[in-house]
Each structure stands twice: as C-alpha cells, then as structure tokens.
Amino acid sequence: MLKDAEIQYIADLARIKLSAEEKSKLQGELSLILNFMEQLKELPVDGVVPTTIASGAVNITRPDVPTVADPGVVGAMLEQAPEQKDGFVKVKAILK
C-alpha cells in the first residue's frame, strides 16, 4: 500500500490538489495497479522476443516544404482574431 506522503508527492508532481477522500481512493487504486505490475514481473518470459512495434505500420511523411500563405486567407483569419500584432494572432501567455 502506498503511503500518504507518496500520494501527496504524486499529486504535487501532477500539480493537483486532492481532498482526503480523493487521496484515500487514489491510494487504493494505485496500490492495485502496482500490485498487478508486480504480478506481471513474475511471469516467465524466457524465449520471448521483445517487440518494439507490434503492428508493423510505418510512418509515411512528406517533405516539409514552406509555402507562402494566400494573403486573403491570412487577412480573413486575422479579422476573426480578438487580438493581433504584426500580422500574427496575439494570445495570452500560458507558460511562465
């Protein structure tokens, strides 16, 4: 069972505040998950080849070629923006 301090540490990392009830519930749920992971560690995997890509799908990409935007389209987008500066949409900073 996870300790209260460990639950608080996880909450601090996630930058969330938890009530005592939420901490208690999370403590039980995370403990179940960790116990299950311990059970998985005990499975015999000798001879099992590690798999990094199960589907075999491959990313197909195109070259990143810059293009010049149609001034009419840019103007129409900027007209809809609440704030703009130097031809760009101005947004509120979200990172410190």
N, C-alpha and C. Protein backbone atom coordinates (compact mmCIF):
# COMPACT_ATOMS: atom_id res chain seq x y z
N MET A 1 0.86 -1.18 0.00
CA MET A 1 0.00 0.00 0.00
C MET A 1 0.90 1.24 0.00
N LEU A 2 0.57 2.17 -0.86
CA LEU A 2 1.33 3.42 -0.92
C LEU A 2 1.09 4.23 0.34
N LYS A 3 2.10 4.97 0.74
CA LYS A 3 1.99 5.82 1.92
C LYS A 3 1.35 7.15 1.53
N ASP A 4 0.81 7.84 2.53
CA ASP A 4 0.18 9.15 2.30
C ASP A 4 1.17 10.12 1.66
N ALA A 5 2.42 10.09 2.12
CA ALA A 5 3.43 11.00 1.59
C ALA A 5 3.69 10.74 0.11
N GLU A 6 3.63 9.47 -0.29
CA GLU A 6 3.84 9.13 -1.70
C GLU A 6 2.69 9.63 -2.57
N ILE A 7 1.48 9.51 -2.07
CA ILE A 7 0.32 10.02 -2.80
C ILE A 7 0.42 11.54 -2.92
N GLN A 8 0.82 12.21 -1.85
CA GLN A 8 0.97 13.66 -1.89
C GLN A 8 2.06 14.06 -2.88
N TYR A 9 3.15 13.30 -2.91
CA TYR A 9 4.24 13.57 -3.84
C TYR A 9 3.75 13.47 -5.29
N ILE A 10 2.97 12.43 -5.58
CA ILE A 10 2.42 12.25 -6.93
C ILE A 10 1.48 13.40 -7.27
N ALA A 11 0.65 13.81 -6.32
CA ALA A 11 -0.27 14.93 -6.54
C ALA A 11 0.51 16.21 -6.80
N ASP A 12 1.60 16.41 -6.05
CA ASP A 12 2.43 17.60 -6.26
C ASP A 12 3.06 17.59 -7.65
N LEU A 13 3.53 16.43 -8.08
CA LEU A 13 4.12 16.32 -9.43
C LEU A 13 3.09 16.65 -10.50
N ALA A 14 1.85 16.21 -10.28
CA ALA A 14 0.78 16.46 -11.24
C ALA A 14 0.17 17.85 -11.06
N ARG A 15 0.61 18.54 -10.02
CA ARG A 15 0.11 19.89 -9.71
C ARG A 15 -1.41 19.89 -9.53
N ILE A 16 -1.87 18.91 -8.76
CA ILE A 16 -3.30 18.84 -8.45
C ILE A 16 -3.48 18.80 -6.94
N LYS A 17 -4.60 19.30 -6.49
CA LYS A 17 -4.94 19.25 -5.08
C LYS A 17 -5.97 18.15 -4.89
N LEU A 18 -5.74 17.33 -3.89
CA LEU A 18 -6.63 16.21 -3.61
C LEU A 18 -7.23 16.35 -2.22
N SER A 19 -8.50 16.05 -2.11
CA SER A 19 -9.13 16.01 -0.80
C SER A 19 -8.69 14.72 -0.11
N ALA A 20 -8.97 14.61 1.18
CA ALA A 20 -8.60 13.41 1.93
C ALA A 20 -9.29 12.18 1.33
N GLU A 21 -10.54 12.35 0.90
CA GLU A 21 -11.29 11.25 0.29
C GLU A 21 -10.65 10.83 -1.04
N GLU A 22 -10.25 11.81 -1.84
CA GLU A 22 -9.61 11.51 -3.13
C GLU A 22 -8.27 10.82 -2.92
N LYS A 23 -7.50 11.28 -1.91
CA LYS A 23 -6.21 10.65 -1.62
C LYS A 23 -6.40 9.19 -1.23
N SER A 24 -7.41 8.94 -0.40
CA SER A 24 -7.68 7.58 0.06
C SER A 24 -8.06 6.68 -1.12
N LYS A 25 -8.92 7.18 -1.99
CA LYS A 25 -9.35 6.42 -3.17
C LYS A 25 -8.17 6.16 -4.10
N LEU A 26 -7.38 7.20 -4.35
CA LEU A 26 -6.23 7.08 -5.24
C LEU A 26 -5.19 6.12 -4.66
N GLN A 27 -5.03 6.16 -3.35
CA GLN A 27 -4.08 5.27 -2.69
C GLN A 27 -4.46 3.81 -2.96
N GLY A 28 -5.73 3.49 -2.85
CA GLY A 28 -6.18 2.13 -3.12
C GLY A 28 -6.03 1.74 -4.57
N GLU A 29 -6.43 2.65 -5.47
CA GLU A 29 -6.37 2.35 -6.91
C GLU A 29 -4.94 2.18 -7.40
N LEU A 30 -4.05 3.08 -6.98
CA LEU A 30 -2.65 2.98 -7.41
C LEU A 30 -1.99 1.74 -6.82
N SER A 31 -2.35 1.39 -5.60
CA SER A 31 -1.79 0.18 -4.99
C SER A 31 -2.21 -1.06 -5.78
N LEU A 32 -3.47 -1.11 -6.22
CA LEU A 32 -3.93 -2.24 -7.04
C LEU A 32 -3.14 -2.33 -8.34
N ILE A 33 -2.92 -1.18 -8.97
CA ILE A 33 -2.17 -1.15 -10.23
C ILE A 33 -0.74 -1.63 -10.01
N LEU A 34 -0.10 -1.13 -8.96
CA LEU A 34 1.29 -1.52 -8.70
C LEU A 34 1.38 -3.00 -8.33
N ASN A 35 0.41 -3.51 -7.58
CA ASN A 35 0.40 -4.95 -7.25
C ASN A 35 0.25 -5.79 -8.52
N PHE A 36 -0.58 -5.33 -9.45
CA PHE A 36 -0.75 -6.05 -10.72
C PHE A 36 0.57 -6.05 -11.50
N MET A 37 1.26 -4.92 -11.50
CA MET A 37 2.54 -4.84 -12.20
C MET A 37 3.55 -5.81 -11.58
N GLU A 38 3.52 -5.96 -10.26
CA GLU A 38 4.41 -6.92 -9.60
C GLU A 38 4.10 -8.34 -10.06
N GLN A 39 2.81 -8.65 -10.23
CA GLN A 39 2.43 -9.98 -10.72
C GLN A 39 2.96 -10.20 -12.14
N LEU A 40 2.89 -9.16 -12.97
CA LEU A 40 3.39 -9.28 -14.34
C LEU A 40 4.89 -9.54 -14.36
N LYS A 41 5.61 -8.95 -13.41
CA LYS A 41 7.06 -9.15 -13.34
C LYS A 41 7.42 -10.61 -13.10
N GLU A 42 6.52 -11.36 -12.47
CA GLU A 42 6.80 -12.75 -12.12
C GLU A 42 6.53 -13.72 -13.27
N LEU A 43 5.92 -13.27 -14.35
CA LEU A 43 5.61 -14.16 -15.47
C LEU A 43 6.89 -14.65 -16.14
N PRO A 44 6.91 -15.92 -16.55
CA PRO A 44 8.08 -16.43 -17.25
C PRO A 44 8.11 -15.89 -18.69
N VAL A 45 9.17 -15.22 -19.04
CA VAL A 45 9.27 -14.65 -20.39
C VAL A 45 10.53 -15.13 -21.12
N ASP A 46 11.11 -16.21 -20.61
CA ASP A 46 12.29 -16.76 -21.27
C ASP A 46 11.92 -17.18 -22.69
N GLY A 47 12.71 -16.78 -23.64
CA GLY A 47 12.47 -17.15 -25.03
C GLY A 47 11.51 -16.25 -25.77
N VAL A 48 10.93 -15.28 -25.08
CA VAL A 48 10.01 -14.35 -25.74
C VAL A 48 10.84 -13.22 -26.34
N VAL A 49 10.67 -13.01 -27.63
CA VAL A 49 11.43 -11.97 -28.32
C VAL A 49 10.78 -10.62 -28.05
N PRO A 50 11.56 -9.64 -27.60
CA PRO A 50 10.99 -8.30 -27.35
C PRO A 50 10.42 -7.71 -28.64
N THR A 51 9.30 -7.04 -28.52
CA THR A 51 8.64 -6.41 -29.66
C THR A 51 8.60 -4.91 -29.42
N THR A 52 9.09 -4.15 -30.37
CA THR A 52 9.03 -2.70 -30.23
C THR A 52 7.89 -2.11 -31.04
N ILE A 53 7.56 -2.73 -32.17
CA ILE A 53 6.45 -2.26 -33.00
C ILE A 53 5.57 -3.46 -33.31
N ALA A 54 4.42 -3.52 -32.68
CA ALA A 54 3.56 -4.69 -32.83
C ALA A 54 2.81 -4.71 -34.17
N SER A 55 2.46 -3.55 -34.68
CA SER A 55 1.61 -3.51 -35.87
C SER A 55 2.39 -3.59 -37.18
N GLY A 56 3.64 -3.21 -37.17
CA GLY A 56 4.40 -3.18 -38.40
C GLY A 56 4.13 -1.96 -39.26
N ALA A 57 3.24 -1.07 -38.78
CA ALA A 57 2.93 0.14 -39.54
C ALA A 57 4.15 1.06 -39.56
N VAL A 58 4.28 1.77 -40.65
CA VAL A 58 5.41 2.68 -40.83
C VAL A 58 4.88 4.08 -41.08
N ASN A 59 5.51 5.05 -40.45
CA ASN A 59 5.12 6.43 -40.69
C ASN A 59 5.47 6.82 -42.12
N ILE A 60 4.50 7.36 -42.81
CA ILE A 60 4.75 7.87 -44.15
C ILE A 60 4.63 9.38 -44.07
N THR A 61 5.71 10.05 -44.34
CA THR A 61 5.70 11.51 -44.22
C THR A 61 6.03 12.14 -45.56
N ARG A 62 5.70 13.39 -45.64
CA ARG A 62 6.03 14.15 -46.84
C ARG A 62 7.11 15.16 -46.47
N PRO A 63 7.84 15.64 -47.43
CA PRO A 63 8.85 16.66 -47.12
C PRO A 63 8.17 17.92 -46.57
N ASP A 64 8.81 18.54 -45.62
CA ASP A 64 8.29 19.77 -45.03
C ASP A 64 8.78 20.94 -45.88
N VAL A 65 7.93 21.36 -46.80
CA VAL A 65 8.29 22.43 -47.72
C VAL A 65 7.50 23.68 -47.35
N PRO A 66 8.19 24.78 -47.04
CA PRO A 66 7.46 26.00 -46.69
C PRO A 66 6.69 26.55 -47.89
N THR A 67 5.52 27.08 -47.62
CA THR A 67 4.72 27.69 -48.68
C THR A 67 4.31 29.08 -48.24
N VAL A 68 3.98 29.90 -49.19
CA VAL A 68 3.52 31.26 -48.90
C VAL A 68 2.01 31.22 -48.81
N ALA A 69 1.48 31.73 -47.70
CA ALA A 69 0.04 31.71 -47.49
C ALA A 69 -0.63 32.77 -48.34
N ASP A 70 -1.83 32.46 -48.78
CA ASP A 70 -2.63 33.41 -49.54
C ASP A 70 -2.97 34.59 -48.64
N PRO A 71 -2.59 35.82 -49.03
CA PRO A 71 -2.86 36.98 -48.18
C PRO A 71 -4.34 37.15 -47.84
N GLY A 72 -5.22 36.76 -48.74
CA GLY A 72 -6.65 36.87 -48.47
C GLY A 72 -7.08 35.96 -47.34
N VAL A 73 -6.53 34.75 -47.32
CA VAL A 73 -6.86 33.80 -46.26
C VAL A 73 -6.29 34.27 -44.93
N VAL A 74 -5.05 34.75 -44.96
CA VAL A 74 -4.42 35.25 -43.74
C VAL A 74 -5.21 36.43 -43.19
N GLY A 75 -5.60 37.34 -44.06
CA GLY A 75 -6.37 38.51 -43.63
C GLY A 75 -7.70 38.11 -43.02
N ALA A 76 -8.37 37.14 -43.63
CA ALA A 76 -9.66 36.68 -43.10
C ALA A 76 -9.49 36.05 -41.72
N MET A 77 -8.41 35.29 -41.53
CA MET A 77 -8.16 34.69 -40.22
C MET A 77 -7.86 35.76 -39.18
N LEU A 78 -7.04 36.73 -39.55
CA LEU A 78 -6.68 37.77 -38.59
C LEU A 78 -7.88 38.63 -38.22
N GLU A 79 -8.81 38.82 -39.14
CA GLU A 79 -10.01 39.60 -38.83
C GLU A 79 -10.84 38.94 -37.74
N GLN A 80 -10.77 37.63 -37.65
CA GLN A 80 -11.55 36.89 -36.67
C GLN A 80 -10.86 36.80 -35.31
N ALA A 81 -9.57 37.13 -35.26
CA ALA A 81 -8.82 37.04 -34.01
C ALA A 81 -9.17 38.23 -33.11
N PRO A 82 -9.37 37.97 -31.81
CA PRO A 82 -9.68 39.08 -30.90
C PRO A 82 -8.53 40.09 -30.81
N GLU A 83 -7.28 39.59 -30.84
CA GLU A 83 -6.12 40.48 -30.80
C GLU A 83 -5.11 40.01 -31.83
N GLN A 84 -4.39 40.97 -32.41
CA GLN A 84 -3.36 40.65 -33.38
C GLN A 84 -2.22 41.64 -33.25
N LYS A 85 -1.04 41.20 -33.67
CA LYS A 85 0.14 42.06 -33.61
C LYS A 85 1.09 41.65 -34.73
N ASP A 86 1.49 42.60 -35.53
CA ASP A 86 2.45 42.39 -36.62
C ASP A 86 2.07 41.23 -37.54
N GLY A 87 0.78 41.12 -37.84
CA GLY A 87 0.32 40.08 -38.76
C GLY A 87 0.18 38.70 -38.14
N PHE A 88 0.23 38.63 -36.82
CA PHE A 88 0.07 37.36 -36.11
C PHE A 88 -1.07 37.47 -35.12
N VAL A 89 -1.67 36.33 -34.78
CA VAL A 89 -2.69 36.30 -33.74
C VAL A 89 -1.98 36.41 -32.40
N LYS A 90 -2.42 37.35 -31.58
CA LYS A 90 -1.81 37.54 -30.27
C LYS A 90 -2.62 36.76 -29.25
N VAL A 91 -1.92 35.93 -28.46
CA VAL A 91 -2.58 35.11 -27.45
C VAL A 91 -1.95 35.35 -26.09
N LYS A 92 -2.71 35.03 -25.07
CA LYS A 92 -2.24 35.18 -23.70
C LYS A 92 -1.15 34.14 -23.42
N ALA A 93 -0.10 34.54 -22.73
CA ALA A 93 0.97 33.61 -22.37
C ALA A 93 0.45 32.57 -21.39
N ILE A 94 0.80 31.31 -21.62
CA ILE A 94 0.35 30.25 -20.71
C ILE A 94 1.51 29.63 -19.95
N LEU A 95 2.73 29.90 -20.35
CA LEU A 95 3.91 29.37 -19.67
C LEU A 95 4.65 30.51 -18.99
N LYS A 96 5.23 30.19 -17.86
CA LYS A 96 5.99 31.22 -17.13
C LYS A 96 7.41 31.24 -17.61
